[in-house]
């Protein structure tokens, strides 16, 4: 149950989970990185992302008109018919249609804005039938959020469409003015774009200097347009994510269900480990001890010296079995943790580490038993990894409280390379901490040092 430095620092037998802290393969300085000669400000107008975002804004106006018209028509018709039974199915159909349009909008945002929004919570029907379906649609918060999106999207789509088309048109028309200014003297009978005119004076952009300045102004507009459009689409991202995705409550429920599954799996794995250790360790030794004592009993009269030797060996086996049972009990929940608290328990586990460990616990009161146990086993497994794989000469354990959080930090000067990604066991520790709303942060550059910080919620100790 240990990890290797440089190959994923964690517990190999723990199933892989989603890592919180991973290193991106595309960071600067890595091989295969795509290098650009131009800065992002200058290349933005010709990048695919800018054109996709502009396309999203241009499509938003007709789609917004369609959504607004459908939503207002169906809701008004349904509300007007509520005096009869027909109003309920019409209103339910309108809300269901808004949910369908919401799915299309999520797809459009995924394709053009690279925004991946999960589907909202499904309809919950206790029984089958059309009446149950209508009730589920009307009770669903996702349905009403989709309706709210359809109503709010049109005014924002209109504003973003007007702003985007205006700045985009001004930018490119002024930038390309040197290419088409000849149209004015040839077909309009004037020297160029008219800046000012009254009964006596007219000012045209017709000399090379003015044409160049106009093109430069157009260049500034062209460069600024993608960033203006991007700022406008940020509001669209918020609308899609907030109104067309799952609610925060549902997301939290899904997280808790996942954490509950992780806790159940961990508990089942611990039970299997305890059963295996008892079966293959202490139980096997006790069976062998019983057989040895039976043989000693048979030889007691015939060969007392041989019987005494067998009893002496059985005595050694008893000591070994007791030690294994003591270690197994300590692995389940050490008595020192229950009796004396986290400081004494961590000092005890640090004394069994193969490298000198400095322990500092700055706690004025004890946390809840569950939090205390998770903190203890986290430190225990990290120190076990240090003993086996870190090749360190010293380590330290620090525990302190910050407001409503319990902080645990384990540091060593080993070879480093700890990684919480992939199938490493640190992902298993992360899942165990997530089950109680905790997090695990790993800082382990190649060559060391390694610093692992666990953050747990603080819950005060109750009557034990």
Protein backbone atom coordinates (compact mmCIF):
# COMPACT_ATOMS: atom_id res chain seq x y z
CA UNK A 1 0.00 0.00 0.00
CA UNK A 2 2.63 2.52 -1.01
CA UNK A 3 3.66 4.68 -3.89
CA UNK A 4 6.94 5.29 -5.60
CA UNK A 5 8.49 8.70 -5.98
CA UNK A 6 8.83 9.73 -9.59
CA UNK A 7 6.15 7.24 -10.67
CA UNK A 8 3.16 8.63 -8.83
CA UNK A 9 3.27 9.26 -5.12
CA UNK A 10 0.42 7.42 -3.51
CA UNK A 11 -1.05 4.07 -2.51
CA UNK A 12 -1.04 1.70 -5.45
CA UNK A 13 -3.95 -0.40 -4.25
CA UNK A 14 -6.30 2.55 -4.09
CA UNK A 15 -8.57 3.02 -7.12
CA UNK A 16 -7.89 6.02 -9.27
CA UNK A 17 -9.96 9.14 -8.82
CA UNK A 18 -10.15 12.52 -10.42
CA UNK A 19 -7.02 14.43 -9.50
CA UNK A 20 -7.22 17.95 -8.22
CA UNK A 21 -3.62 18.93 -8.84
CA UNK A 22 -1.98 17.85 -12.08
CA UNK A 23 0.64 19.36 -14.29
CA UNK A 24 -0.45 20.33 -17.72
CA UNK A 25 1.56 18.80 -20.55
CA UNK A 26 1.30 22.01 -22.52
CA UNK A 27 3.00 24.43 -20.14
CA UNK A 28 5.76 26.70 -21.50
CA UNK A 29 9.08 25.03 -22.04
CA UNK A 30 7.64 21.59 -22.71
CA UNK A 31 8.32 19.70 -25.91
CA UNK A 32 5.62 19.88 -28.51
CA UNK A 33 4.43 23.31 -27.45
CA UNK A 34 3.04 25.39 -30.27
CA UNK A 35 4.97 28.64 -30.41
CA UNK A 36 3.55 31.84 -31.89
CA UNK A 37 5.59 34.64 -33.34
CA UNK A 38 2.84 37.22 -32.76
CA UNK A 39 1.43 38.07 -29.33
CA UNK A 40 -2.15 37.11 -28.56
CA UNK A 41 -3.36 40.71 -28.96
CA UNK A 42 -2.27 40.87 -32.59
CA UNK A 43 -3.24 37.40 -33.72
CA UNK A 44 -6.69 37.42 -32.06
CA UNK A 45 -8.55 38.93 -35.07
CA UNK A 46 -7.55 36.01 -37.33
CA UNK A 47 -7.83 33.15 -34.82
CA UNK A 48 -10.57 30.62 -35.12
CA UNK A 49 -11.82 31.33 -31.62
CA UNK A 50 -12.60 34.95 -32.49
CA UNK A 51 -14.63 33.94 -35.54
CA UNK A 52 -16.49 31.24 -33.62
CA UNK A 53 -17.42 33.73 -30.90
CA UNK A 54 -18.53 36.25 -33.52
CA UNK A 55 -20.62 33.55 -35.17
CA UNK A 56 -22.20 32.76 -31.80
CA UNK A 57 -23.16 36.41 -31.33
CA UNK A 58 -24.57 36.70 -34.86
CA UNK A 59 -26.68 33.56 -34.40
CA UNK A 60 -27.89 34.67 -30.99
CA UNK A 61 -30.23 37.35 -32.37
CA UNK A 62 -32.41 35.14 -34.63
CA UNK A 63 -32.33 32.31 -32.11
CA UNK A 64 -33.19 34.74 -29.31
CA UNK A 65 -36.16 36.06 -31.29
CA UNK A 66 -37.38 32.49 -31.87
CA UNK A 67 -36.95 31.52 -28.22
CA UNK A 68 -38.58 34.67 -26.88
CA UNK A 69 -41.53 34.39 -29.23
CA UNK A 70 -42.11 30.72 -28.42
CA UNK A 71 -41.75 31.18 -24.66
CA UNK A 72 -43.97 34.26 -24.38
CA UNK A 73 -46.61 32.80 -26.70
CA UNK A 74 -46.83 29.42 -24.95
CA UNK A 75 -46.74 30.81 -21.42
CA UNK A 76 -49.29 33.52 -22.19
CA UNK A 77 -51.56 31.00 -23.90
CA UNK A 78 -51.20 28.52 -21.07
CA UNK A 79 -51.79 31.18 -18.39
CA UNK A 80 -54.84 32.44 -20.25
CA UNK A 81 -56.28 28.93 -20.47
CA UNK A 82 -55.67 28.07 -16.82
CA UNK A 83 -59.31 28.76 -16.12
CA UNK A 84 -59.90 25.56 -18.06
CA UNK A 85 -58.01 22.29 -17.94
CA UNK A 86 -56.32 23.04 -21.27
CA UNK A 87 -54.04 25.63 -19.68
CA UNK A 88 -52.02 23.05 -17.72
CA UNK A 89 -50.93 20.87 -20.68
CA UNK A 90 -50.22 23.96 -22.81
CA UNK A 91 -48.04 25.44 -20.08
CA UNK A 92 -46.30 22.09 -19.57
CA UNK A 93 -45.67 21.80 -23.31
CA UNK A 94 -44.25 25.32 -23.36
CA UNK A 95 -41.85 24.52 -20.53
CA UNK A 96 -40.85 21.24 -22.18
CA UNK A 97 -40.12 23.12 -25.39
CA UNK A 98 -37.93 25.56 -23.47
CA UNK A 99 -36.01 22.59 -22.05
CA UNK A 100 -35.50 21.31 -25.59
CA UNK A 101 -34.26 24.70 -26.78
CA UNK A 102 -31.97 24.74 -23.74
CA UNK A 103 -30.36 21.50 -24.96
CA UNK A 104 -29.75 23.12 -28.35
CA UNK A 105 -28.24 26.18 -26.69
CA UNK A 106 -25.87 24.01 -24.65
CA UNK A 107 -24.80 22.29 -27.86
CA UNK A 108 -24.26 25.65 -29.57
CA UNK A 109 -22.23 26.95 -26.62
CA UNK A 110 -20.16 23.75 -26.62
CA UNK A 111 -19.39 24.04 -30.32
CA UNK A 112 -18.77 27.80 -30.63
CA UNK A 113 -17.74 28.92 -27.14
CA UNK A 114 -16.03 25.71 -26.01
CA UNK A 115 -18.28 25.77 -22.95
CA UNK A 116 -19.19 22.32 -21.71
CA UNK A 117 -22.27 22.54 -19.49
CA UNK A 118 -23.76 19.41 -17.99
CA UNK A 119 -27.39 18.56 -18.51
CA UNK A 120 -29.78 19.73 -15.80
CA UNK A 121 -31.49 17.33 -13.48
CA UNK A 122 -33.92 14.96 -15.25
CA UNK A 123 -37.64 14.92 -14.64
CA UNK A 124 -38.61 12.94 -11.56
CA UNK A 125 -41.87 11.08 -12.09
CA UNK A 126 -43.21 8.90 -9.29
CA UNK A 127 -45.54 7.11 -11.72
CA UNK A 128 -46.10 6.78 -15.44
CA UNK A 129 -48.64 8.71 -17.45
CA UNK A 130 -49.27 12.06 -19.07
CA UNK A 131 -50.54 13.66 -15.86
CA UNK A 132 -47.41 12.60 -14.00
CA UNK A 133 -45.27 14.01 -16.81
CA UNK A 134 -47.06 17.37 -16.67
CA UNK A 135 -46.62 17.54 -12.91
CA UNK A 136 -42.90 16.71 -13.20
CA UNK A 137 -42.35 19.39 -15.86
CA UNK A 138 -44.18 22.04 -13.85
CA UNK A 139 -42.32 21.14 -10.64
CA UNK A 140 -38.89 21.01 -12.24
CA UNK A 141 -36.70 24.00 -11.49
CA UNK A 142 -34.75 23.36 -14.70
CA UNK A 143 -37.90 23.98 -16.75
CA UNK A 144 -38.47 27.40 -15.23
CA UNK A 145 -34.79 28.31 -15.54
CA UNK A 146 -34.96 27.46 -19.25
CA UNK A 147 -38.02 29.71 -19.55
CA UNK A 148 -36.15 32.51 -17.78
CA UNK A 149 -33.23 32.04 -20.19
CA UNK A 150 -35.55 32.33 -23.18
CA UNK A 151 -36.92 35.63 -21.85
CA UNK A 152 -33.60 37.18 -20.79
CA UNK A 153 -31.62 36.04 -23.80
CA UNK A 154 -33.32 38.27 -26.40
CA UNK A 155 -32.47 41.72 -24.95
CA UNK A 156 -28.89 40.70 -24.34
CA UNK A 157 -28.60 39.06 -27.77
CA UNK A 158 -29.88 42.26 -29.36
CA UNK A 159 -27.37 44.41 -27.50
CA UNK A 160 -24.40 42.13 -28.19
CA UNK A 161 -25.41 41.77 -31.86
CA UNK A 162 -25.55 45.54 -32.38
CA UNK A 163 -22.25 46.19 -30.58
CA UNK A 164 -20.38 43.35 -32.27
CA UNK A 165 -21.58 44.13 -35.80
CA UNK A 166 -20.87 47.83 -35.32
CA UNK A 167 -17.29 47.51 -34.08
CA UNK A 168 -16.51 44.69 -36.52
CA UNK A 169 -17.83 46.67 -39.50
CA UNK A 170 -16.08 49.90 -38.48
CA UNK A 171 -12.80 48.11 -37.86
CA UNK A 172 -12.55 46.21 -41.13
CA UNK A 173 -14.00 49.01 -43.28
CA UNK A 174 -11.49 51.57 -41.96
CA UNK A 175 -8.62 49.07 -42.08
CA UNK A 176 -9.28 48.34 -45.75
CA UNK A 177 -10.01 52.00 -46.63
CA UNK A 178 -6.79 52.34 -48.69
CA UNK A 179 -8.11 49.61 -50.97
CA UNK A 180 -11.53 51.08 -51.70
CA UNK A 181 -11.31 54.88 -51.15
CA UNK A 182 -11.18 55.31 -54.97
CA UNK A 183 -14.90 54.52 -55.04
CA UNK A 184 -15.75 58.03 -53.76
CA UNK A 185 -14.09 60.14 -56.48
CA UNK A 186 -15.11 57.75 -59.23
CA UNK A 187 -18.76 57.06 -58.34
CA UNK A 188 -19.77 59.49 -55.55
CA UNK A 189 -18.16 62.66 -56.89
CA UNK A 190 -16.24 63.41 -53.67
CA UNK A 191 -12.67 62.91 -52.56
CA UNK A 192 -13.32 60.30 -49.87
CA UNK A 193 -15.14 59.72 -46.58
CA UNK A 194 -16.63 63.02 -45.43
CA UNK A 195 -15.70 63.90 -41.86
CA UNK A 196 -17.35 67.30 -41.72
CA UNK A 197 -19.51 69.40 -43.99
CA UNK A 198 -21.63 72.56 -43.94
CA UNK A 199 -22.72 75.15 -46.48
CA UNK A 200 -19.17 76.42 -47.01
CA UNK A 201 -16.65 73.79 -45.88
CA UNK A 202 -16.25 70.06 -46.39
CA UNK A 203 -13.49 67.83 -45.00
CA UNK A 204 -12.69 64.55 -46.74
CA UNK A 205 -10.20 61.81 -45.97
CA UNK A 206 -8.49 61.97 -49.34
CA UNK A 207 -4.71 62.54 -48.94
CA UNK A 208 -2.19 59.75 -48.19
CA UNK A 209 -1.62 60.88 -44.59
CA UNK A 210 -5.34 60.89 -43.74
CA UNK A 211 -5.85 57.56 -45.48
CA UNK A 212 -2.98 56.05 -43.47
CA UNK A 213 -4.33 57.41 -40.18
CA UNK A 214 -7.78 56.06 -41.04
CA UNK A 215 -6.31 52.61 -41.69
CA UNK A 216 -4.43 52.72 -38.38
CA UNK A 217 -7.61 53.62 -36.53
CA UNK A 218 -9.30 50.74 -38.31
CA UNK A 219 -6.44 48.47 -37.20
CA UNK A 220 -7.05 49.46 -33.58
CA UNK A 221 -10.77 48.71 -33.93
CA UNK A 222 -9.98 45.39 -35.63
CA UNK A 223 -7.62 44.37 -32.85
CA UNK A 224 -10.10 45.40 -30.16
CA UNK A 225 -13.12 43.72 -31.76
CA UNK A 226 -12.31 40.10 -30.72
CA UNK A 227 -11.79 41.17 -27.13
CA UNK A 228 -15.02 43.16 -27.09
CA UNK A 229 -16.89 40.17 -28.52
CA UNK A 230 -15.20 37.89 -26.00
CA UNK A 231 -16.30 40.14 -23.15
CA UNK A 232 -19.85 40.07 -24.49
CA UNK A 233 -19.85 36.27 -24.75
CA UNK A 234 -18.80 36.04 -21.11
CA UNK A 235 -22.33 37.10 -20.23
CA UNK A 236 -23.66 34.39 -22.55
CA UNK A 237 -21.46 31.88 -20.76
CA UNK A 238 -22.91 32.94 -17.42
CA UNK A 239 -26.46 32.70 -18.75
CA UNK A 240 -25.95 29.25 -20.24
CA UNK A 241 -24.07 27.91 -17.24
CA UNK A 242 -26.37 29.42 -14.63
CA UNK A 243 -29.77 28.85 -16.24
CA UNK A 244 -29.36 25.85 -18.56
CA UNK A 245 -27.07 23.69 -16.43
CA UNK A 246 -27.75 21.78 -13.23
CA UNK A 247 -28.54 23.83 -10.17
CA UNK A 248 -26.01 24.19 -7.38
CA UNK A 249 -28.17 22.06 -5.11
CA UNK A 250 -28.32 19.23 -7.63
CA UNK A 251 -24.59 19.50 -8.28
CA UNK A 252 -23.97 19.29 -4.56
CA UNK A 253 -26.22 16.23 -4.28
CA UNK A 254 -24.29 14.52 -7.08
CA UNK A 255 -21.00 15.32 -5.34
CA UNK A 256 -22.30 13.93 -2.05
CA UNK A 257 -23.53 10.77 -3.78
CA UNK A 258 -20.11 10.32 -5.35
CA UNK A 259 -18.38 10.93 -2.03
CA UNK A 260 -20.72 8.48 -0.33
CA UNK A 261 -19.81 5.87 -2.93
CA UNK A 262 -16.12 6.51 -2.32
CA UNK A 263 -16.61 6.15 1.44
CA UNK A 264 -18.52 2.89 1.00
CA UNK A 265 -15.84 1.51 -1.33
CA UNK A 266 -13.08 2.53 1.09
CA UNK A 267 -14.89 0.94 4.03
CA UNK A 268 -15.43 -2.27 2.05
CA UNK A 269 -11.74 -2.35 1.06
CA UNK A 270 -10.71 -1.83 4.70
CA UNK A 271 -12.97 -4.67 5.82
CA UNK A 272 -11.49 -6.97 3.15
CA UNK A 273 -7.98 -5.98 4.24
CA UNK A 274 -8.75 -6.67 7.91
CA UNK A 275 -10.31 -10.02 7.03
CA UNK A 276 -7.30 -10.96 4.86
CA UNK A 277 -4.83 -9.93 7.56
CA UNK A 278 -6.69 -11.92 10.19
CA UNK A 279 -7.01 -14.97 7.95
CA UNK A 280 -3.47 -14.99 6.60
CA UNK A 281 -1.71 -13.64 9.68
CA UNK A 282 -2.92 -14.03 13.23
CA UNK A 283 -5.45 -16.79 12.46
CA UNK A 284 -2.85 -18.90 10.65
CA UNK A 285 -0.38 -18.45 13.49
CA UNK A 286 -2.99 -19.41 16.09
CA UNK A 287 -3.90 -22.55 14.13
CA UNK A 288 -0.22 -23.51 13.93
CA UNK A 289 0.12 -22.72 17.64
CA UNK A 290 -2.77 -25.03 18.51
CA UNK A 291 -1.20 -27.84 16.47
CA UNK A 292 2.20 -27.31 18.12
CA UNK A 293 0.65 -27.35 21.59
CA UNK A 294 -1.22 -30.56 20.70
CA UNK A 295 2.02 -32.23 19.62
CA UNK A 296 3.74 -30.95 22.77
CA UNK A 297 0.97 -32.44 24.89
CA UNK A 298 1.42 -35.84 23.22
CA UNK A 299 5.22 -35.75 23.76
CA UNK A 300 4.99 -34.46 27.32
CA UNK A 301 5.24 -37.96 28.86
CA UNK A 302 7.47 -39.59 26.27
CA UNK A 303 10.00 -36.79 25.74
CA UNK A 304 9.62 -33.92 28.20
CA UNK A 305 12.68 -32.10 26.82
CA UNK A 306 11.26 -32.05 23.25
CA UNK A 307 7.87 -31.03 24.62
CA UNK A 308 9.47 -28.14 26.53
CA UNK A 309 11.24 -27.03 23.35
CA UNK A 310 7.96 -27.09 21.42
CA UNK A 311 6.24 -25.12 24.19
CA UNK A 312 9.05 -22.56 24.02
CA UNK A 313 8.56 -22.20 20.26
CA UNK A 314 4.81 -21.89 20.80
CA UNK A 315 5.49 -19.11 23.29
CA UNK A 316 7.38 -17.22 20.59
CA UNK A 317 4.53 -17.74 18.16
CA UNK A 318 2.11 -16.34 20.75
CA UNK A 319 4.23 -13.18 21.03
CA UNK A 320 4.33 -12.83 17.26
CA UNK A 321 0.56 -13.32 16.97
CA UNK A 322 -0.05 -10.75 19.72
CA UNK A 323 2.19 -8.26 17.91
CA UNK A 324 0.30 -8.82 14.63
CA UNK A 325 -3.03 -8.37 16.41
CA UNK A 326 -1.69 -5.21 18.07
CA UNK A 327 -0.56 -3.82 14.70
CA UNK A 328 -3.89 -4.73 13.15
CA UNK A 329 -5.80 -2.99 15.94
CA UNK A 330 -3.57 0.06 15.55
CA UNK A 331 -4.38 0.10 11.82
CA UNK A 332 -8.12 0.06 12.56
CA UNK A 333 -8.07 2.86 15.15
CA UNK A 334 -5.17 3.32 17.57
CA UNK A 335 -6.01 3.53 21.24
CA UNK A 336 -3.57 6.40 21.73
CA UNK A 337 -5.61 8.50 19.29
CA UNK A 338 -8.79 7.94 21.27
CA UNK A 339 -7.18 8.39 24.68
CA UNK A 340 -4.64 11.18 24.15
CA UNK A 341 -5.53 12.92 20.89
CA UNK A 342 -3.90 13.75 17.60
CA UNK A 343 -0.62 15.13 18.96
CA UNK A 344 0.32 11.94 20.83
CA UNK A 345 -0.94 9.68 18.05
CA UNK A 346 1.13 11.48 15.40
CA UNK A 347 4.20 11.37 17.65
CA UNK A 348 3.68 7.62 18.00
CA UNK A 349 3.40 7.00 14.25
CA UNK A 350 6.36 9.34 13.61
CA UNK A 351 8.54 7.28 15.95
CA UNK A 352 8.06 4.25 13.66
CA UNK A 353 9.23 6.16 10.56
CA UNK A 354 12.69 5.25 9.24
CA UNK A 355 13.77 8.92 9.09
CA UNK A 356 13.73 11.52 11.87
CA UNK A 357 10.35 13.26 11.95
CA UNK A 358 9.57 16.55 13.68
CA UNK A 359 5.94 16.80 14.84
CA UNK A 360 4.27 20.09 15.73
CA UNK A 361 0.57 20.16 16.65
CA UNK A 362 -0.87 23.56 17.52
CA UNK A 363 -4.39 22.64 18.64
CA UNK A 364 -6.13 24.07 21.67
CA UNK A 365 -9.00 21.58 21.42
CA UNK A 366 -9.66 18.26 19.72
CA UNK A 367 -11.59 18.02 16.45
CA UNK A 368 -14.42 15.58 15.87
CA UNK A 369 -13.46 11.91 15.99
CA UNK A 370 -14.06 11.35 12.26
CA UNK A 371 -11.91 14.34 11.26
CA UNK A 372 -9.23 13.33 13.75
CA UNK A 373 -9.15 9.80 12.39
CA UNK A 374 -8.86 10.92 8.75
CA UNK A 375 -6.03 13.31 9.65
CA UNK A 376 -4.19 10.55 11.52
CA UNK A 377 -4.44 7.98 8.73
CA UNK A 378 -3.46 10.56 6.11
CA UNK A 379 -0.26 11.35 7.99
CA UNK A 380 0.35 7.66 8.68
CA UNK A 381 0.17 6.69 5.00
CA UNK A 382 2.28 9.66 3.89
CA UNK A 383 4.99 8.80 6.44
CA UNK A 384 4.88 5.19 5.28
CA UNK A 385 5.56 6.38 1.73
CA UNK A 386 8.45 8.51 2.98
CA UNK A 387 9.95 5.50 4.76
CA UNK A 388 9.78 3.26 1.72
CA UNK A 389 10.34 5.46 -1.31
CA UNK A 390 11.37 9.04 -0.57
CA UNK A 391 15.07 8.43 0.23
CA UNK A 392 14.78 11.38 2.60
CA UNK A 393 16.96 12.26 5.59
CA UNK A 394 14.33 14.20 7.52
CA UNK A 395 10.59 14.85 7.54
CA UNK A 396 8.18 17.09 9.39
CA UNK A 397 4.51 16.99 10.32
CA UNK A 398 2.63 20.15 11.22
CA UNK A 399 -0.98 20.39 12.35
CA UNK A 400 -2.83 23.60 13.07
CA UNK A 401 -6.27 25.16 12.91
CA UNK A 402 -7.18 28.09 10.67
CA UNK A 403 -10.66 29.46 11.38
CA UNK A 404 -12.98 26.56 10.50
CA UNK A 405 -10.36 24.36 8.79
CA UNK A 406 -7.90 21.78 10.12
CA UNK A 407 -4.58 21.98 8.26
CA UNK A 408 -2.15 19.05 8.08
CA UNK A 409 1.20 19.40 6.29
CA UNK A 410 3.77 16.65 5.72
CA UNK A 411 7.14 17.65 4.24
CA UNK A 412 10.34 15.75 3.43
CA UNK A 413 13.62 16.40 1.60
CA UNK A 414 13.42 13.29 -0.58
CA UNK A 415 13.74 12.84 -4.32
CA UNK A 416 10.36 14.42 -5.12
CA UNK A 417 8.31 13.60 -8.19
CA UNK A 418 5.09 12.94 -6.28
CA UNK A 419 2.09 13.06 -8.60
CA UNK A 420 -1.60 12.93 -7.71
CA UNK A 421 -2.77 12.28 -11.27
CA UNK A 422 -3.64 9.09 -13.11
CA UNK A 423 -3.95 5.96 -11.02
CA UNK A 424 -1.71 7.02 -8.16
CA UNK A 425 -2.78 6.42 -4.59
CA UNK A 426 -2.79 10.12 -3.76
CA UNK A 427 -5.99 10.19 -5.78
CA UNK A 428 -7.38 7.72 -3.24
CA UNK A 429 -6.36 10.01 -0.38
CA UNK A 430 -7.99 12.87 -2.26
CA UNK A 431 -11.25 10.92 -2.49
CA UNK A 432 -11.12 10.12 1.22
CA UNK A 433 -10.69 13.80 2.06
CA UNK A 434 -13.37 14.87 -0.41
CA UNK A 435 -15.84 12.66 1.43
CA UNK A 436 -15.73 15.20 4.29
CA UNK A 437 -15.29 18.31 2.09
CA UNK A 438 -11.51 18.28 2.39
CA UNK A 439 -8.82 18.79 -0.24
CA UNK A 440 -5.28 17.52 -0.83
CA UNK A 441 -2.55 19.72 -2.33
CA UNK A 442 0.70 18.16 -3.57
CA UNK A 443 3.85 20.22 -4.26
CA UNK A 444 6.65 17.88 -5.30
CA UNK A 445 9.07 19.06 -7.99
CA UNK A 446 11.62 16.61 -9.35
CA UNK A 447 14.55 16.50 -6.95
CA UNK A 448 12.41 17.55 -4.00
CA UNK A 449 11.43 18.67 -1.53
CA UNK A 450 7.92 17.24 -1.29
CA UNK A 451 5.15 19.06 0.57
CA UNK A 452 1.69 17.52 0.92
CA UNK A 453 -1.01 19.64 2.55
CA UNK A 454 -4.36 18.24 3.63
CA UNK A 455 -7.18 20.63 4.46
CA UNK A 456 -10.13 19.28 6.46
CA UNK A 457 -13.25 20.98 7.79
CA UNK A 458 -13.11 21.72 11.50
CA UNK A 459 -15.83 20.21 13.58
CA UNK A 460 -15.41 20.43 17.34
CA UNK A 461 -15.23 17.32 19.46
CA UNK A 462 -18.46 16.06 20.96
CA UNK A 463 -18.86 13.76 23.93
CA UNK A 464 -16.72 10.71 23.20
